[in-house]
């Protein structure tokens, strides 16, 4: 399922397949522009999917974006992973 147009995922996916982006907690970015980003609705196929929102840019120092990954069916849920 493709992300809705204008969402952070759609914009990043148009740049590259894998990105390592320093966000610096959103410093230097326009608060109005960040706040205007629509949030993706999520993924019906992957209940462990974590939606990127405008706060994603202001809540973290770095963002790693992978346009797609594979996840084997029946694998342990990622939502319980403690890293």
Protein backbone atom coordinates (compact mmCIF):
# COMPACT_ATOMS: atom_id res chain seq x y z
CA UNK A 1 0.00 0.00 0.00
CA UNK A 2 1.48 3.32 -1.09
CA UNK A 3 1.54 6.27 1.34
CA UNK A 4 -0.95 9.04 0.75
CA UNK A 5 0.41 12.00 -1.29
CA UNK A 6 2.08 14.71 0.78
CA UNK A 7 2.81 12.49 3.79
CA UNK A 8 6.33 12.31 5.16
CA UNK A 9 6.68 8.73 3.82
CA UNK A 10 5.61 9.82 0.32
CA UNK A 11 8.08 12.70 0.31
CA UNK A 12 10.97 10.61 1.59
CA UNK A 13 10.18 7.74 -0.76
CA UNK A 14 10.51 10.13 -3.67
CA UNK A 15 14.08 10.99 -2.61
CA UNK A 16 15.59 7.56 -2.20
CA UNK A 17 15.17 3.94 -1.12
CA UNK A 18 17.23 4.25 2.06
CA UNK A 19 17.98 7.51 3.85
CA UNK A 20 19.84 8.48 7.03
CA UNK A 21 18.63 11.98 7.89
CA UNK A 22 19.87 14.24 10.72
CA UNK A 23 16.72 15.98 11.98
CA UNK A 24 18.35 17.76 14.95
CA UNK A 25 14.98 17.74 16.74
CA UNK A 26 13.49 19.86 13.96
CA UNK A 27 15.74 22.87 14.59
CA UNK A 28 15.99 25.01 11.48
CA UNK A 29 12.73 23.71 10.03
CA UNK A 30 9.63 25.85 9.76
CA UNK A 31 7.09 24.89 12.45
CA UNK A 32 4.27 25.76 10.05
CA UNK A 33 5.69 23.52 7.31
CA UNK A 34 6.23 20.63 9.75
CA UNK A 35 2.72 21.05 11.18
CA UNK A 36 1.18 21.04 7.70
CA UNK A 37 2.47 17.54 6.88
CA UNK A 38 -0.44 15.07 6.74
CA UNK A 39 -0.07 11.83 8.70
CA UNK A 40 -0.27 8.54 6.82
CA UNK A 41 -3.25 6.37 7.74
CA UNK A 42 -1.08 3.32 8.51
CA UNK A 43 -0.80 -0.18 7.15
CA UNK A 44 -3.62 -2.69 7.19
CA UNK A 45 -1.17 -5.48 6.30
CA UNK A 46 1.35 -4.78 9.07
CA UNK A 47 -0.10 -4.09 12.53
CA UNK A 48 3.42 -3.33 13.84
CA UNK A 49 3.87 -0.42 11.39
CA UNK A 50 4.81 2.83 13.09
CA UNK A 51 3.35 5.86 11.29
CA UNK A 52 5.61 8.87 10.72
CA UNK A 53 3.95 12.10 11.80
CA UNK A 54 5.03 15.74 11.84
CA UNK A 55 6.31 15.13 15.40
CA UNK A 56 8.72 12.54 14.03
CA UNK A 57 10.92 15.38 12.78
CA UNK A 58 10.91 17.21 16.12
CA UNK A 59 11.07 14.25 18.52
CA UNK A 60 14.27 12.59 17.26
CA UNK A 61 17.82 13.62 16.33
CA UNK A 62 18.11 11.17 13.40
CA UNK A 63 15.64 9.46 11.12
CA UNK A 64 16.42 6.28 9.20
CA UNK A 65 13.99 5.71 6.35
CA UNK A 66 13.72 2.52 4.33
CA UNK A 67 11.28 2.70 1.44
CA UNK A 68 10.45 -1.00 1.78
CA UNK A 69 11.46 -4.06 3.75
CA UNK A 70 10.44 -7.65 3.87
CA UNK A 71 8.90 -9.26 6.92
CA UNK A 72 8.27 -12.99 7.01
CA UNK A 73 4.72 -13.97 7.88
CA UNK A 74 4.53 -15.71 11.24
CA UNK A 75 7.64 -13.95 12.59
CA UNK A 76 7.48 -12.58 16.16
CA UNK A 77 5.70 -9.27 16.50
CA UNK A 78 7.97 -6.24 16.32
CA UNK A 79 5.73 -4.31 18.71
CA UNK A 80 7.16 -6.22 21.71
CA UNK A 81 10.80 -5.73 20.70
CA UNK A 82 12.79 -3.93 23.40
CA UNK A 83 16.01 -3.43 21.38
